[in-house]
């Protein structure tokens, strides 16, 4: 049976190789080229389906794998098909080669199935696909581009392939997540703890797969930087099409894992990543606003007996948690205007208008955190929430350098490490949210201000041992909080990160 299988695969691969050899030579106009093209198309579809079936078999029984079968679609298989795949991926449909679309699509589908996140362990071949196929086609020095003018289309197609593989990894890791390329549905209501854990799993899965193909993303990003930074009207139609498609591929990832996408772009492209990230944020925000408008329209249709004024009018005699009015908190902006990291914030963002007000607020928060009375744990929780609300309100961006230094110096004097060791999961969860939010808000400024970077690094260094202890908690919920916190710090730390924390893991 194995001999029959091997003979069949050898025949299928031979059809692909024969067509590739003829097309790569001067015999591309031979009489039987149409027949060989059809054979190559069917062979690609056959291989893609076989890999898909093998993935499904392993997915149903991942612990035992596929008994009795040696690796078939592994690294050696990728090496064998690398040359035809690089050729077919450059046959993306255009005016000249419109009849070759099936070959290009077949090659793309086969590569996606080979990059499935849950393949048999002895057939894991993402590094081979990256090194033998994707990088050569996106590298600026590549000698594999058949037609120089088609390089933009090829790079765009590789970007779409890489993006789909990241989205596929996220959807496989978080089965309950209903994502779509370029249009993920984002829930803007208050999440339960389980939803926050799923969000962290999405970020982790996306970051892991992006790390696998980081050189591909770097090459793609460099290709679109030049036309992207040009003034509109100064680049040709091909550059515009390439840039649009690559940005759309990036946006598909940003919709489901914004921290992972942003941190990778900042790491790979340094300061040049800023305009691309701004574009992604703007388009993601616009998409969410459209979703919110549709949701509001549906709400209006259900409440057609009320006037528009009554629907949008908000009273702050008491919030949804039953708390009395707090002068620190202003009426909340629509949730879609906040970054995704604050979508689950317990209270509205706090708007601070002066340095004196900021200092007074932080002193009050410090006093509440220093209160060790077990009966007053809710005051410590409220103080931690207030810290996050200050960050969400833009305290690091609206009041300038002095406010940023004041904030980090004050928070370094707070007993934050004690909060990670608290016995209540509400306290530890909110402490994790605070340090992640601070890292997110300060990620840009630490590169520009060396002394600020040292202060933030010191604060994270002090908290890391306590977070690691939280990861080892006997309470599963709290241990998960600690793990998610460490993953988030890695995802939102920007291009500088926190290298000195590595010693805490040793």
Protein backbone atom coordinates (compact mmCIF):
# COMPACT_ATOMS: atom_id res chain seq x y z
CA UNK A 1 0.00 0.00 0.00
CA UNK A 2 2.84 2.37 0.81
CA UNK A 3 4.47 1.60 -2.55
CA UNK A 4 1.26 2.47 -4.36
CA UNK A 5 1.03 5.73 -2.41
CA UNK A 6 4.62 6.66 -3.20
CA UNK A 7 4.16 5.89 -6.90
CA UNK A 8 1.06 8.03 -7.02
CA UNK A 9 2.76 11.00 -5.32
CA UNK A 10 5.78 10.62 -7.59
CA UNK A 11 3.51 10.74 -10.65
CA UNK A 12 1.67 13.81 -9.38
CA UNK A 13 4.90 15.65 -8.63
CA UNK A 14 6.27 14.68 -12.05
CA UNK A 15 3.30 16.37 -13.78
CA UNK A 16 4.03 19.58 -11.87
CA UNK A 17 7.74 19.42 -12.60
CA UNK A 18 7.21 18.70 -16.33
CA UNK A 19 5.00 21.73 -16.77
CA UNK A 20 7.41 23.91 -14.81
CA UNK A 21 10.38 22.76 -16.92
CA UNK A 22 8.58 23.51 -20.19
CA UNK A 23 7.33 26.93 -19.08
CA UNK A 24 10.77 27.87 -17.74
CA UNK A 25 12.34 26.96 -21.08
CA UNK A 26 11.78 28.31 -24.56
CA UNK A 27 9.26 25.56 -25.31
CA UNK A 28 6.30 27.30 -23.68
CA UNK A 29 4.41 27.36 -26.98
CA UNK A 30 4.55 23.61 -27.63
CA UNK A 31 1.37 21.89 -28.84
CA UNK A 32 0.74 19.90 -25.67
CA UNK A 33 1.23 22.84 -23.28
CA UNK A 34 -2.50 23.15 -22.59
CA UNK A 35 -2.75 19.47 -21.68
CA UNK A 36 0.28 19.70 -19.37
CA UNK A 37 -1.15 22.83 -17.76
CA UNK A 38 -4.39 20.98 -16.98
CA UNK A 39 -2.41 18.10 -15.50
CA UNK A 40 -0.39 20.51 -13.35
CA UNK A 41 -3.57 22.24 -12.09
CA UNK A 42 -5.18 18.91 -11.17
CA UNK A 43 -1.96 17.76 -9.52
CA UNK A 44 -1.82 20.87 -7.32
CA UNK A 45 -5.44 20.40 -6.29
CA UNK A 46 -4.80 16.75 -5.53
CA UNK A 47 -1.74 17.49 -3.36
CA UNK A 48 -3.57 20.26 -1.53
CA UNK A 49 -6.48 17.95 -0.73
CA UNK A 50 -4.15 15.17 0.44
CA UNK A 51 -2.33 17.55 2.81
CA UNK A 52 -5.69 18.83 4.07
CA UNK A 53 -6.93 15.30 4.78
CA UNK A 54 -3.70 14.49 6.59
CA UNK A 55 -4.08 17.62 8.73
CA UNK A 56 -7.67 16.71 9.59
CA UNK A 57 -6.65 13.19 10.60
CA UNK A 58 -3.94 14.52 12.90
CA UNK A 59 -6.25 17.23 14.27
CA UNK A 60 -8.76 14.61 15.43
CA UNK A 61 -6.09 12.61 17.27
CA UNK A 62 -3.12 14.91 17.96
CA UNK A 63 -1.64 12.82 20.79
CA UNK A 64 -1.27 9.63 18.75
CA UNK A 65 -0.71 11.28 15.39
CA UNK A 66 -1.05 9.13 12.29
CA UNK A 67 0.15 5.63 13.15
CA UNK A 68 2.09 3.59 10.62
CA UNK A 69 2.89 6.44 8.23
CA UNK A 70 6.28 8.01 7.73
CA UNK A 71 6.49 11.74 7.02
CA UNK A 72 5.33 12.54 3.50
CA UNK A 73 4.67 16.27 3.27
CA UNK A 74 7.62 17.46 5.30
CA UNK A 75 10.81 19.39 4.61
CA UNK A 76 11.97 17.09 1.80
CA UNK A 77 8.62 17.50 0.06
CA UNK A 78 8.91 21.30 0.31
CA UNK A 79 12.41 21.22 -1.16
CA UNK A 80 11.10 19.16 -4.08
CA UNK A 81 8.23 21.53 -4.92
CA UNK A 82 10.03 24.81 -4.08
CA UNK A 83 11.07 25.68 -7.64
CA UNK A 84 7.62 25.06 -9.22
CA UNK A 85 5.88 26.88 -6.35
CA UNK A 86 8.05 29.98 -6.79
CA UNK A 87 7.26 29.90 -10.49
CA UNK A 88 3.50 29.40 -10.07
CA UNK A 89 3.15 32.11 -7.42
CA UNK A 90 4.43 34.60 -10.00
CA UNK A 91 1.66 33.60 -12.39
CA UNK A 92 -0.89 35.66 -10.50
CA UNK A 93 -3.68 36.61 -12.94
CA UNK A 94 -3.01 39.64 -15.07
CA UNK A 95 -3.92 40.72 -18.57
CA UNK A 96 -1.17 38.64 -20.20
CA UNK A 97 -1.53 35.44 -18.18
CA UNK A 98 -5.19 35.39 -17.19
CA UNK A 99 -5.49 31.70 -18.13
CA UNK A 100 -2.85 30.76 -15.51
CA UNK A 101 -4.94 31.80 -12.51
CA UNK A 102 -5.70 28.21 -11.44
CA UNK A 103 -2.00 27.40 -11.13
CA UNK A 104 -1.38 30.41 -8.93
CA UNK A 105 -4.42 29.74 -6.73
CA UNK A 106 -3.54 26.04 -6.51
CA UNK A 107 -0.01 26.84 -5.35
CA UNK A 108 -1.36 29.26 -2.73
CA UNK A 109 -3.84 26.74 -1.37
CA UNK A 110 -1.18 24.03 -1.15
CA UNK A 111 1.20 26.30 0.77
CA UNK A 112 -1.55 27.36 3.18
CA UNK A 113 -2.36 23.72 3.93
CA UNK A 114 1.32 23.00 4.48
CA UNK A 115 1.44 25.94 6.94
CA UNK A 116 -1.55 24.66 8.92
CA UNK A 117 -0.90 25.32 12.64
CA UNK A 118 -1.68 21.76 13.72
CA UNK A 119 0.21 19.50 11.36
CA UNK A 120 1.91 16.20 12.30
CA UNK A 121 5.07 16.93 14.25
CA UNK A 122 7.29 15.04 11.84
CA UNK A 123 5.93 17.11 8.95
CA UNK A 124 6.29 20.62 10.40
CA UNK A 125 7.74 22.55 7.49
CA UNK A 126 7.00 26.25 8.02
CA UNK A 127 10.74 27.11 8.23
CA UNK A 128 11.37 25.34 4.92
CA UNK A 129 8.47 27.13 3.22
CA UNK A 130 9.73 30.42 4.59
CA UNK A 131 13.35 29.92 3.54
CA UNK A 132 12.84 28.11 0.23
CA UNK A 133 9.74 29.86 -1.16
CA UNK A 134 8.48 32.97 0.62
CA UNK A 135 11.72 34.81 1.39
CA UNK A 136 13.24 34.36 -2.10
CA UNK A 137 10.10 35.83 -3.67
CA UNK A 138 10.01 38.88 -1.36
CA UNK A 139 13.71 39.63 -0.97
CA UNK A 140 14.85 42.84 -2.74
CA UNK A 141 17.92 40.99 -4.04
CA UNK A 142 15.88 38.06 -5.30
CA UNK A 143 16.91 36.47 -8.58
CA UNK A 144 13.74 34.37 -8.66
CA UNK A 145 11.44 37.09 -10.01
CA UNK A 146 10.54 36.01 -13.53
CA UNK A 147 9.25 39.40 -14.67
CA UNK A 148 10.48 42.45 -12.78
CA UNK A 149 7.26 44.35 -13.47
CA UNK A 150 5.25 41.61 -11.72
CA UNK A 151 7.28 41.76 -8.50
CA UNK A 152 4.73 44.00 -6.80
CA UNK A 153 1.92 41.55 -7.46
CA UNK A 154 4.05 38.65 -6.26
CA UNK A 155 4.96 40.44 -3.02
CA UNK A 156 1.29 41.34 -2.44
CA UNK A 157 0.28 37.72 -2.93
CA UNK A 158 2.94 36.51 -0.47
CA UNK A 159 1.71 39.11 2.04
CA UNK A 160 -1.81 37.76 1.68
CA UNK A 161 -0.52 34.20 2.13
CA UNK A 162 1.37 35.11 5.29
CA UNK A 163 -1.63 37.04 6.64
CA UNK A 164 -3.99 34.13 6.01
CA UNK A 165 -1.62 31.76 7.80
CA UNK A 166 -1.61 34.05 10.87
CA UNK A 167 -5.40 34.36 10.86
CA UNK A 168 -5.66 30.57 10.44
CA UNK A 169 -3.37 30.04 13.44
CA UNK A 170 -5.52 32.37 15.56
CA UNK A 171 -8.78 30.72 14.52
CA UNK A 172 -7.32 27.28 15.26
CA UNK A 173 -6.04 28.35 18.69
CA UNK A 174 -9.30 30.12 19.64
CA UNK A 175 -12.05 28.03 17.99
CA UNK A 176 -14.83 30.25 19.36
CA UNK A 177 -13.43 33.26 17.57
CA UNK A 178 -15.35 34.04 14.36
CA UNK A 179 -12.76 36.01 12.40
CA UNK A 180 -12.70 37.02 8.78
CA UNK A 181 -9.86 38.28 6.64
CA UNK A 182 -9.99 42.01 6.84
CA UNK A 183 -13.23 42.19 8.80
CA UNK A 184 -13.13 40.73 12.27
CA UNK A 185 -16.12 41.26 14.50
CA UNK A 186 -15.03 43.05 17.67
CA UNK A 187 -17.18 42.91 20.78
CA UNK A 188 -17.11 46.30 22.48
CA UNK A 189 -19.19 45.39 25.53
CA UNK A 190 -17.77 44.49 28.94
CA UNK A 191 -16.02 41.12 28.73
CA UNK A 192 -15.92 38.33 31.24
CA UNK A 193 -12.58 37.02 32.45
CA UNK A 194 -12.81 34.15 29.95
CA UNK A 195 -13.14 36.65 27.08
CA UNK A 196 -9.98 38.45 28.21
CA UNK A 197 -8.13 35.14 28.26
CA UNK A 198 -9.31 34.41 24.72
CA UNK A 199 -8.09 37.84 23.61
CA UNK A 200 -4.66 37.08 25.04
CA UNK A 201 -4.65 33.71 23.31
CA UNK A 202 -5.38 35.44 20.00
CA UNK A 203 -2.47 37.81 20.52
CA UNK A 204 -0.14 34.98 21.50
CA UNK A 205 -1.11 32.77 18.56
CA UNK A 206 -0.70 35.63 16.10
CA UNK A 207 2.65 36.66 17.59
CA UNK A 208 3.96 33.09 17.46
CA UNK A 209 3.11 32.62 13.78
CA UNK A 210 4.39 36.09 12.86
CA UNK A 211 7.68 35.23 14.53
CA UNK A 212 7.87 32.12 12.33
CA UNK A 213 7.71 34.26 9.16
CA UNK A 214 9.06 37.54 10.51
CA UNK A 215 11.62 37.89 7.70
CA UNK A 216 8.80 37.66 5.16
CA UNK A 217 6.88 40.44 6.89
CA UNK A 218 10.05 42.52 7.03
CA UNK A 219 10.65 42.13 3.29
CA UNK A 220 7.02 42.91 2.47
CA UNK A 221 7.03 45.94 4.75
CA UNK A 222 10.17 47.33 3.09
CA UNK A 223 8.64 46.86 -0.36
CA UNK A 224 5.64 49.07 0.43
CA UNK A 225 7.51 51.67 2.49
CA UNK A 226 8.72 53.70 -0.49
CA UNK A 227 5.38 54.00 -2.33
CA UNK A 228 3.51 54.29 0.96
CA UNK A 229 5.56 57.31 2.02
CA UNK A 230 5.24 59.01 -1.37
CA UNK A 231 2.70 61.74 -1.85
CA UNK A 232 -0.46 60.48 -3.43
CA UNK A 233 -0.29 60.81 -7.20
CA UNK A 234 3.48 60.28 -7.37
CA UNK A 235 3.38 56.51 -7.72
CA UNK A 236 2.14 54.31 -10.53
CA UNK A 237 -0.90 52.05 -10.62
CA UNK A 238 1.10 48.89 -9.81
CA UNK A 239 2.66 50.48 -6.73
CA UNK A 240 -0.75 51.64 -5.59
CA UNK A 241 -2.28 48.19 -6.09
CA UNK A 242 0.60 46.47 -4.29
CA UNK A 243 0.46 48.87 -1.35
CA UNK A 244 -3.32 48.57 -1.05
CA UNK A 245 -3.24 44.77 -1.03
CA UNK A 246 -0.37 44.54 1.46
CA UNK A 247 -2.03 47.00 3.84
CA UNK A 248 -5.28 45.08 3.56
CA UNK A 249 -3.37 41.89 4.48
CA UNK A 250 -1.81 43.64 7.48
CA UNK A 251 -5.23 44.96 8.50
CA UNK A 252 -6.64 41.42 8.57
CA UNK A 253 -4.11 40.59 11.32
CA UNK A 254 -4.47 43.94 13.08
CA UNK A 255 -8.22 43.39 13.41
CA UNK A 256 -7.75 40.25 15.49
CA UNK A 257 -4.36 40.84 17.16
CA UNK A 258 -3.47 44.55 17.16
CA UNK A 259 -0.70 44.33 19.76
CA UNK A 260 1.08 41.51 17.94
CA UNK A 261 0.89 43.30 14.59
CA UNK A 262 2.01 46.64 16.00
CA UNK A 263 4.92 45.22 18.00
CA UNK A 264 6.20 43.22 15.03
CA UNK A 265 6.05 46.20 12.66
CA UNK A 266 7.89 48.38 15.19
CA UNK A 267 10.55 45.71 15.64
CA UNK A 268 11.03 44.96 11.94
CA UNK A 269 10.73 48.47 10.47
CA UNK A 270 11.82 50.66 13.41
CA UNK A 271 10.69 54.28 13.08
CA UNK A 272 9.46 53.68 9.53
CA UNK A 273 6.59 51.60 10.91
CA UNK A 274 4.77 54.65 12.32
CA UNK A 275 2.80 55.66 9.18
CA UNK A 276 1.77 52.06 8.51
CA UNK A 277 0.59 51.60 12.10
CA UNK A 278 -1.32 54.89 11.95
CA UNK A 279 -3.04 53.72 8.78
CA UNK A 280 -4.01 50.40 10.40
CA UNK A 281 -5.36 52.12 13.51
CA UNK A 282 -7.37 54.62 11.49
CA UNK A 283 -8.95 51.98 9.27
CA UNK A 284 -9.61 49.66 12.17
CA UNK A 285 -11.27 52.51 14.08
CA UNK A 286 -13.39 53.43 11.07
CA UNK A 287 -14.49 49.84 10.68
CA UNK A 288 -15.51 49.62 14.31
CA UNK A 289 -17.37 52.91 14.05
CA UNK A 290 -19.32 51.48 11.14
CA UNK A 291 -20.13 48.41 13.21
CA UNK A 292 -21.20 50.60 16.11
CA UNK A 293 -23.41 52.68 13.84
CA UNK A 294 -25.08 49.55 12.50
CA UNK A 295 -25.57 48.31 16.05
CA UNK A 296 -27.07 51.65 17.06
CA UNK A 297 -29.38 51.62 14.04
CA UNK A 298 -30.60 48.17 15.03
CA UNK A 299 -31.09 49.41 18.57
CA UNK A 300 -33.07 52.40 17.29
CA UNK A 301 -35.29 50.13 15.24
CA UNK A 302 -36.03 48.05 18.33
CA UNK A 303 -36.72 51.16 20.39
CA UNK A 304 -38.73 52.96 17.73
CA UNK A 305 -41.16 54.24 20.36
CA UNK A 306 -38.41 56.40 21.93
CA UNK A 307 -37.02 59.63 20.54
CA UNK A 308 -33.42 59.87 19.44
CA UNK A 309 -32.69 62.27 22.29
CA UNK A 310 -33.94 59.77 24.86
CA UNK A 311 -31.86 56.98 23.39
CA UNK A 312 -28.54 58.85 23.57
CA UNK A 313 -29.16 60.74 26.78
CA UNK A 314 -27.01 59.43 29.64
CA UNK A 315 -27.45 60.09 33.33
CA UNK A 316 -24.52 59.95 35.74
CA UNK A 317 -26.42 59.88 38.99
CA UNK A 318 -24.87 56.42 39.32
CA UNK A 319 -23.01 54.10 36.97
CA UNK A 320 -23.83 50.55 35.94
CA UNK A 321 -21.89 49.16 38.89
CA UNK A 322 -23.99 51.12 41.38
CA UNK A 323 -21.18 53.55 42.28
CA UNK A 324 -21.85 57.17 43.11
CA UNK A 325 -20.58 59.96 40.83
CA UNK A 326 -16.79 60.38 40.93
CA UNK A 327 -15.33 63.78 39.88
CA UNK A 328 -12.24 61.94 38.62
CA UNK A 329 -14.27 60.25 35.89
CA UNK A 330 -15.87 62.12 33.07
CA UNK A 331 -18.75 60.78 30.94
CA UNK A 332 -17.29 57.99 28.84
CA UNK A 333 -16.46 58.32 25.20
CA UNK A 334 -17.94 55.66 22.92
CA UNK A 335 -16.03 52.38 23.48
CA UNK A 336 -14.95 52.20 19.85
CA UNK A 337 -12.79 55.32 20.31
CA UNK A 338 -10.54 53.52 22.79
CA UNK A 339 -7.69 51.19 21.82
CA UNK A 340 -8.61 47.50 22.09
CA UNK A 341 -6.60 47.17 25.30
CA UNK A 342 -9.21 49.30 27.10
CA UNK A 343 -12.33 47.65 25.69
CA UNK A 344 -12.89 45.89 29.04
CA UNK A 345 -12.06 48.83 31.29
CA UNK A 346 -14.38 48.74 34.35
CA UNK A 347 -14.96 52.52 34.50
CA UNK A 348 -14.82 55.43 32.05
CA UNK A 349 -11.40 56.95 31.26
CA UNK A 350 -10.24 59.70 33.61
CA UNK A 351 -9.46 63.09 32.08
CA UNK A 352 -6.77 65.07 33.90
CA UNK A 353 -6.25 68.72 33.01
CA UNK A 354 -3.28 69.82 35.13
CA UNK A 355 -0.11 68.53 36.75
CA UNK A 356 -1.39 69.51 40.18
CA UNK A 357 -4.59 67.50 39.69
CA UNK A 358 -2.54 64.52 38.50
CA UNK A 359 -0.23 64.66 41.53
CA UNK A 360 -3.14 64.92 43.94
CA UNK A 361 -4.95 62.00 42.30
CA UNK A 362 -1.86 59.78 42.37
CA UNK A 363 -1.23 60.60 46.06
CA UNK A 364 -4.78 59.54 46.87
CA UNK A 365 -4.34 56.30 44.92
CA UNK A 366 -1.07 55.56 46.74
CA UNK A 367 -2.74 56.04 50.12
CA UNK A 368 -5.50 53.57 49.22
CA UNK A 369 -3.01 50.97 47.97
CA UNK A 370 -0.93 51.24 51.15
CA UNK A 371 -3.96 50.38 53.28
CA UNK A 372 -3.42 46.72 54.25
CA UNK A 373 -6.75 46.27 56.05
CA UNK A 374 -8.23 43.04 54.59
CA UNK A 375 -11.73 44.44 54.97
CA UNK A 376 -10.89 47.38 52.69
CA UNK A 377 -9.66 45.36 49.73
CA UNK A 378 -12.33 46.95 47.54
CA UNK A 379 -10.66 50.35 48.02
CA UNK A 380 -7.38 48.93 46.74
CA UNK A 381 -9.22 47.47 43.75
CA UNK A 382 -10.82 50.84 43.04
CA UNK A 383 -7.39 52.50 43.28
CA UNK A 384 -5.96 50.10 40.69
CA UNK A 385 -8.92 50.76 38.42
CA UNK A 386 -8.27 54.50 38.76
CA UNK A 387 -4.67 54.01 37.61
CA UNK A 388 -5.86 52.24 34.47
CA UNK A 389 -8.48 54.95 33.89
CA UNK A 390 -5.77 57.61 34.07
CA UNK A 391 -3.76 55.78 31.42
CA UNK A 392 -6.85 55.27 29.25
CA UNK A 393 -7.62 58.98 29.56
CA UNK A 394 -4.32 59.85 27.89
CA UNK A 395 -2.36 61.13 30.87
CA UNK A 396 0.90 60.15 29.16
CA UNK A 397 0.10 62.02 25.96
CA UNK A 398 -1.97 65.09 26.83
CA UNK A 399 0.09 66.73 29.59
CA UNK A 400 3.56 66.31 28.12
CA UNK A 401 6.95 65.17 29.39
CA UNK A 402 6.54 66.42 32.96
CA UNK A 403 3.35 64.40 33.44
CA UNK A 404 4.95 61.24 32.06
CA UNK A 405 7.89 61.48 34.45
CA UNK A 406 5.63 62.35 37.39
CA UNK A 407 3.33 59.42 36.67
CA UNK A 408 6.09 56.81 36.45
CA UNK A 409 7.87 58.13 39.54
CA UNK A 410 4.65 58.04 41.56
CA UNK A 411 3.67 54.56 40.41
CA UNK A 412 7.16 53.23 41.21
CA UNK A 413 6.58 54.30 44.83
CA UNK A 414 3.23 52.51 45.00
CA UNK A 415 3.17 48.99 46.54
CA UNK A 416 2.41 47.40 43.16
CA UNK A 417 4.34 44.18 43.82
CA UNK A 418 2.05 43.47 46.79
CA UNK A 419 -0.99 43.60 44.53
CA UNK A 420 0.31 40.71 42.38
CA UNK A 421 0.62 38.60 45.54
CA UNK A 422 -2.88 39.34 46.83
CA UNK A 423 -5.17 36.40 47.56
CA UNK A 424 -8.06 37.89 45.59
CA UNK A 425 -8.16 37.29 41.86
CA UNK A 426 -9.87 40.66 41.28
CA UNK A 427 -6.84 42.47 42.70
CA UNK A 428 -4.25 40.43 40.81
CA UNK A 429 -6.19 40.74 37.56
CA UNK A 430 -6.39 44.52 37.84
CA UNK A 431 -2.71 44.78 38.76
CA UNK A 432 -1.89 42.89 35.56
CA UNK A 433 -4.08 45.26 33.57
CA UNK A 434 -2.28 48.27 35.03
CA UNK A 435 1.25 47.17 34.15
CA UNK A 436 0.21 46.13 30.64
CA UNK A 437 -1.59 49.45 30.08
CA UNK A 438 1.45 51.40 31.31
CA UNK A 439 3.75 49.44 29.01
CA UNK A 440 1.40 50.11 26.10
CA UNK A 441 1.11 53.86 26.73
CA UNK A 442 4.85 54.39 27.26
CA UNK A 443 6.10 52.19 24.41
CA UNK A 444 6.80 55.14 22.08
CA UNK A 445 8.16 57.59 24.63
CA UNK A 446 10.83 55.28 26.11
CA UNK A 447 12.70 55.33 22.79
CA UNK A 448 12.77 59.12 22.69
CA UNK A 449 13.54 59.72 26.38
CA UNK A 450 16.38 57.65 27.83
CA UNK A 451 15.72 58.51 31.48
CA UNK A 452 12.04 57.65 31.07
CA UNK A 453 13.01 54.32 29.50
CA UNK A 454 15.22 53.50 32.48
CA UNK A 455 12.40 54.30 34.91
CA UNK A 456 9.86 52.14 33.06
CA UNK A 457 12.37 49.29 32.75
CA UNK A 458 13.07 49.47 36.49
CA UNK A 459 9.35 49.37 37.29
CA UNK A 460 8.78 46.30 35.09
CA UNK A 461 11.90 44.64 36.55
CA UNK A 462 10.55 45.10 40.07
CA UNK A 463 7.15 43.65 39.16
CA UNK A 464 8.38 40.69 37.09
CA UNK A 465 9.31 38.37 40.02
CA UNK A 466 5.86 38.88 41.55
CA UNK A 467 4.18 38.20 38.21
CA UNK A 468 6.21 35.00 37.83
CA UNK A 469 5.05 33.89 41.30
CA UNK A 470 1.50 34.61 40.18
CA UNK A 471 2.09 32.30 37.19
CA UNK A 472 2.86 29.50 39.66
CA UNK A 473 -0.28 30.08 41.74
CA UNK A 474 -2.26 27.01 42.74
CA UNK A 475 -5.40 28.83 41.62
CA UNK A 476 -5.75 28.22 37.91
CA UNK A 477 -7.48 31.54 37.22
CA UNK A 478 -4.72 33.55 38.89
CA UNK A 479 -1.97 31.52 37.22
CA UNK A 480 -3.59 32.24 33.85
CA UNK A 481 -3.67 35.94 34.71
CA UNK A 482 0.07 35.88 35.34
CA UNK A 483 0.84 34.04 32.10
CA UNK A 484 -1.35 36.40 30.08
CA UNK A 485 0.32 39.38 31.73
CA UNK A 486 3.80 38.20 30.70
CA UNK A 487 2.61 37.52 27.15
CA UNK A 488 1.01 40.96 26.92
CA UNK A 489 4.16 42.68 28.14
CA UNK A 490 6.08 40.93 25.38
CA UNK A 491 3.45 41.95 22.81
CA UNK A 492 3.02 45.64 23.72
CA UNK A 493 6.57 46.50 24.72
CA UNK A 494 7.32 48.12 21.38
CA UNK A 495 10.67 47.83 19.64
CA UNK A 496 12.73 48.26 22.84
CA UNK A 497 11.02 45.69 25.04
CA UNK A 498 12.42 44.78 28.46
CA UNK A 499 15.67 42.84 27.89
CA UNK A 500 16.80 43.02 31.50
CA UNK A 501 13.81 40.97 32.64
CA UNK A 502 15.32 37.91 30.95
CA UNK A 503 17.55 37.33 33.99
CA UNK A 504 14.40 36.81 36.08
CA UNK A 505 13.60 33.70 34.04
CA UNK A 506 16.99 32.09 34.70
